[in-house]
Amino acid sequence: MKNRLKLNVQGTEKTIEVTVNRVFNAGYAGSDQTKVQEHIDELAKLGVPVPSTTPTLYPISNYLPTVADRVQVQHGETSGEIEYVLIWAEGELFVTVGSDHTDRKLETYSVPMSKQAYPNVIADQVWRFKDVKDHWDRLELECWVTANGERVLYQKGTCADLMPPSQWKEIFRQKNVAKEGNLFFSATINTVANTLAFADRYEFEMRDPVLDRVIRHQYEVDVLAKPIE
């Protein structure tokens, strides 16, 4: 199926329309492997299988990326997580911020299936990668969650905490990732409390302290009614 995303290039009057071709979700891709192990330990507490190698890369369906502000889920054990997102469009590379919303129950059975279960939410604003590549490590990432009426800081870090695009270059070449219409989700940074949050609302942002600008997005999580069976 065709999935078209209309995205605004922040600071310009340019809008790009992306017909999503392929989507790749990275995992366990932190620059500090000690922190990667902490994240693996977080997931292991929920029964998630330990990967045999890191980083990992999961192809998912092209209909999953969305700029929606609401997602519907089957139960209360799902969660989002902040990631940088690369987008190849109109002959250029763009970057934005997103959340790979994951079914944590399903993840204990199959990580690839859990990635496929729910949308990958991204902001509708992007930056040109060439404008930020020289200060990439200084880009700041922050995620807040609201659960049971309480809003708390969930994740905080910088792109230096994650493998940069340059470090993925060979894998991108092998897997044909860097192609028109493709999206790449970077994997995430650790949580502040080293535990996953099953929240009602996720707010995430990428801040550029050098060019003094920010991309923000947020979405609500609706749990569907129980099935009649």
Protein backbone atom coordinates (compact mmCIF):
# COMPACT_ATOMS: atom_id res chain seq x y z
CA MET A 1 0.00 0.00 0.00
CA LYS A 2 1.06 3.62 -0.47
CA ASN A 3 1.85 5.72 2.55
CA ARG A 4 2.51 9.37 1.79
CA LEU A 5 3.91 11.72 4.42
CA LYS A 6 3.86 15.49 4.02
CA LEU A 7 6.72 17.04 5.97
CA ASN A 8 7.83 20.64 6.43
CA VAL A 9 11.50 21.59 6.18
CA GLN A 10 11.79 23.73 9.29
CA GLY A 11 12.91 27.31 8.74
CA THR A 12 11.95 27.29 5.06
CA GLU A 13 8.77 27.34 3.00
CA LYS A 14 9.68 23.97 1.51
CA THR A 15 7.42 20.94 1.98
CA ILE A 16 8.49 17.45 1.00
CA GLU A 17 6.11 14.62 0.20
CA VAL A 18 7.52 11.19 0.95
CA THR A 19 6.02 8.05 -0.51
CA VAL A 20 7.34 5.59 2.05
CA ASN A 21 9.23 2.74 0.43
CA ARG A 22 10.93 0.77 3.19
CA VAL A 23 11.34 1.27 6.91
CA PHE A 24 14.16 0.03 9.14
CA ASN A 25 14.11 -0.01 12.94
CA ALA A 26 17.46 -0.27 14.67
CA GLY A 27 17.96 -1.77 18.09
CA TYR A 28 20.67 -1.77 20.75
CA ALA A 29 22.57 0.92 18.86
CA GLY A 30 23.95 3.08 21.63
CA SER A 31 27.45 4.48 21.31
CA ASP A 32 28.19 3.31 24.88
CA GLN A 33 27.78 -0.47 24.99
CA THR A 34 27.57 -0.41 28.79
CA LYS A 35 24.40 1.65 28.51
CA VAL A 36 23.19 -0.64 25.73
CA GLN A 37 23.51 -3.53 28.14
CA GLU A 38 21.50 -1.57 30.72
CA HIS A 39 18.72 -1.17 28.14
CA ILE A 40 18.88 -4.88 27.31
CA ASP A 41 18.59 -5.57 31.05
CA GLU A 42 15.50 -3.30 31.20
CA LEU A 43 13.84 -5.37 28.49
CA ALA A 44 15.02 -8.68 29.93
CA LYS A 45 13.00 -7.90 33.07
CA LEU A 46 9.94 -8.07 30.82
CA GLY A 47 11.05 -11.38 29.32
CA VAL A 48 12.39 -9.97 26.04
CA PRO A 49 14.89 -12.35 24.35
CA VAL A 50 18.50 -11.15 24.49
CA PRO A 51 19.94 -10.38 21.01
CA SER A 52 22.83 -12.51 19.77
CA THR A 53 24.55 -9.45 18.24
CA THR A 54 24.27 -5.69 18.53
CA PRO A 55 23.23 -3.48 16.87
CA THR A 56 20.16 -5.08 15.33
CA LEU A 57 18.10 -3.93 12.34
CA TYR A 58 14.45 -4.83 11.78
CA PRO A 59 12.65 -4.16 8.48
CA ILE A 60 9.01 -3.20 9.08
CA SER A 61 6.07 -2.41 6.81
CA ASN A 62 5.90 0.89 4.95
CA TYR A 63 2.42 1.77 6.23
CA LEU A 64 3.60 2.15 9.85
CA PRO A 65 5.25 5.64 9.81
CA THR A 66 2.75 8.39 10.66
CA VAL A 67 2.61 11.97 11.91
CA ALA A 68 -0.58 11.21 13.87
CA ASP A 69 -1.17 12.55 17.37
CA ARG A 70 -3.02 9.46 18.60
CA VAL A 71 -2.42 5.70 18.39
CA GLN A 72 -4.74 2.84 19.34
CA VAL A 73 -3.38 -0.20 21.13
CA GLN A 74 -4.72 -3.58 22.22
CA HIS A 75 -3.72 -3.44 25.89
CA GLY A 76 -1.90 -1.40 28.52
CA GLU A 77 1.59 -2.85 28.10
CA THR A 78 2.85 -0.85 25.13
CA SER A 79 5.35 1.98 25.13
CA GLY A 80 7.09 4.53 22.96
CA GLU A 81 10.72 5.64 22.95
CA ILE A 82 12.54 8.60 21.46
CA GLU A 83 14.72 8.08 18.37
CA TYR A 84 16.29 10.14 15.64
CA VAL A 85 14.82 9.35 12.24
CA LEU A 86 16.57 9.59 8.87
CA ILE A 87 14.47 10.14 5.74
CA TRP A 88 15.71 9.89 2.17
CA ALA A 89 13.53 12.10 -0.03
CA GLU A 90 13.83 14.21 -3.17
CA GLY A 91 17.48 13.31 -3.54
CA GLU A 92 18.39 14.56 -0.05
CA LEU A 93 18.78 13.19 3.46
CA PHE A 94 16.60 14.69 6.17
CA VAL A 95 16.42 14.11 9.92
CA THR A 96 13.59 14.37 12.43
CA VAL A 97 12.54 12.84 15.74
CA GLY A 98 10.16 9.94 16.31
CA SER A 99 8.87 7.23 18.60
CA ASP A 100 8.96 3.53 17.83
CA HIS A 101 5.79 2.45 19.66
CA THR A 102 6.17 -1.18 20.67
CA ASP A 103 3.98 -3.96 22.04
CA ARG A 104 5.91 -5.11 25.10
CA LYS A 105 3.82 -8.25 25.61
CA LEU A 106 4.44 -9.37 22.05
CA GLU A 107 8.11 -8.43 22.38
CA THR A 108 8.62 -11.28 24.86
CA TYR A 109 7.70 -13.64 22.04
CA SER A 110 9.22 -11.89 19.01
CA VAL A 111 10.98 -8.53 18.75
CA PRO A 112 10.33 -8.16 14.98
CA MET A 113 6.62 -8.86 15.48
CA SER A 114 6.43 -6.34 18.32
CA LYS A 115 7.92 -3.67 16.04
CA GLN A 116 5.27 -4.43 13.45
CA ALA A 117 2.31 -4.15 15.84
CA TYR A 118 1.90 -0.36 16.15
CA PRO A 119 2.68 2.85 14.27
CA ASN A 120 6.05 4.55 14.22
CA VAL A 121 5.17 8.16 15.05
CA ILE A 122 7.33 11.00 13.70
CA ALA A 123 7.17 14.78 13.81
CA ASP A 124 5.93 16.60 10.71
CA GLN A 125 8.98 18.89 10.77
CA VAL A 126 12.42 17.93 9.42
CA TRP A 127 15.90 19.39 9.10
CA ARG A 128 18.34 18.91 6.26
CA PHE A 129 20.98 16.48 7.48
CA LYS A 130 23.73 18.52 5.86
CA ASP A 131 22.84 21.44 8.15
CA VAL A 132 23.41 19.44 11.34
CA LYS A 133 26.01 16.80 10.46
CA ASP A 134 28.96 18.93 11.64
CA HIS A 135 27.47 19.27 15.14
CA TRP A 136 25.51 16.00 15.16
CA ASP A 137 26.64 14.90 18.63
CA ARG A 138 25.29 18.11 20.15
CA LEU A 139 21.68 17.48 19.09
CA GLU A 140 19.63 16.97 22.25
CA LEU A 141 16.90 14.35 22.73
CA GLU A 142 14.20 14.52 25.39
CA CYS A 143 11.01 12.56 26.05
CA TRP A 144 8.30 13.19 28.65
CA VAL A 145 5.46 10.82 29.52
CA THR A 146 2.13 11.27 31.25
CA ALA A 147 0.61 8.33 33.12
CA ASN A 148 -2.29 8.48 35.58
CA GLY A 149 -2.23 12.26 35.32
CA GLU A 150 1.45 12.62 36.29
CA ARG A 151 3.91 14.07 33.76
CA VAL A 152 7.54 13.05 34.26
CA LEU A 153 10.83 13.20 32.35
CA TYR A 154 11.29 9.79 30.76
CA GLN A 155 14.43 10.05 28.59
CA LYS A 156 17.14 12.66 28.18
CA GLY A 157 20.37 12.58 26.19
CA THR A 158 22.01 13.60 22.94
CA CYS A 159 22.65 12.03 19.56
CA ALA A 160 26.15 11.31 20.87
CA ASP A 161 24.52 8.55 22.93
CA LEU A 162 23.56 6.72 19.72
CA MET A 163 25.48 5.36 16.77
CA PRO A 164 25.72 8.23 14.23
CA PRO A 165 24.68 7.80 10.58
CA SER A 166 28.34 7.59 9.57
CA GLN A 167 28.80 4.50 11.72
CA TRP A 168 25.82 2.84 10.00
CA LYS A 169 27.20 3.53 6.52
CA GLU A 170 28.38 -0.01 5.73
CA ILE A 171 25.17 -1.62 7.02
CA PHE A 172 23.15 0.89 5.01
CA ARG A 173 25.08 -0.17 1.92
CA GLN A 174 24.60 -3.88 2.57
CA LYS A 175 20.87 -3.58 3.25
CA ASN A 176 20.08 -0.87 0.66
CA VAL A 177 18.82 1.46 3.36
CA ALA A 178 19.96 4.77 1.86
CA LYS A 179 17.35 4.81 -0.92
CA GLU A 180 14.63 7.25 -1.95
CA GLY A 181 11.55 6.93 0.24
CA ASN A 182 13.26 4.93 2.99
CA LEU A 183 13.11 5.72 6.70
CA PHE A 184 15.55 4.65 9.41
CA PHE A 185 14.74 4.73 13.14
CA SER A 186 17.91 4.93 15.20
CA ALA A 187 17.02 2.91 18.32
CA THR A 188 16.69 4.74 21.60
CA ILE A 189 18.55 6.16 24.57
CA ASN A 190 18.20 4.86 28.12
CA THR A 191 15.31 5.85 30.33
CA VAL A 192 15.96 8.16 33.27
CA ALA A 193 14.76 5.60 35.81
CA ASN A 194 16.09 2.56 33.93
CA THR A 195 12.56 1.21 33.58
CA LEU A 196 9.91 1.22 30.86
CA ALA A 197 6.80 3.39 31.19
CA PHE A 198 3.37 2.37 29.96
CA ALA A 199 2.02 5.88 29.48
CA ASP A 200 -1.09 7.66 28.23
CA ARG A 201 0.87 10.39 26.45
CA TYR A 202 4.35 10.72 24.94
CA GLU A 203 6.02 14.07 24.18
CA PHE A 204 9.39 14.08 22.45
CA GLU A 205 11.75 16.64 20.99
CA MET A 206 15.06 17.10 19.21
CA ARG A 207 16.84 20.35 20.00
CA ASP A 208 19.68 21.95 18.04
CA PRO A 209 21.58 24.24 20.44
CA VAL A 210 23.90 25.46 17.68
CA LEU A 211 21.22 26.71 15.28
CA ASP A 212 18.79 27.37 18.15
CA ARG A 213 15.78 25.41 16.94
CA VAL A 214 13.69 22.46 18.03
CA ILE A 215 11.42 19.81 16.54
CA ARG A 216 8.59 18.59 18.81
CA HIS A 217 5.76 16.12 18.58
CA GLN A 218 3.40 14.33 20.92
CA TYR A 219 0.74 11.64 20.81
CA GLU A 220 -1.91 10.07 22.98
CA VAL A 221 -2.31 6.32 23.52
CA ASP A 222 -5.84 4.87 23.45
CA VAL A 223 -6.41 1.35 24.73
CA LEU A 224 -9.14 -0.35 22.74
CA ALA A 225 -12.14 -2.04 24.36
CA LYS A 226 -11.79 -5.69 25.22
CA PRO A 227 -12.90 -8.07 22.44
CA ILE A 228 -16.22 -9.91 22.52
CA GLU A 229 -15.32 -13.56 22.23
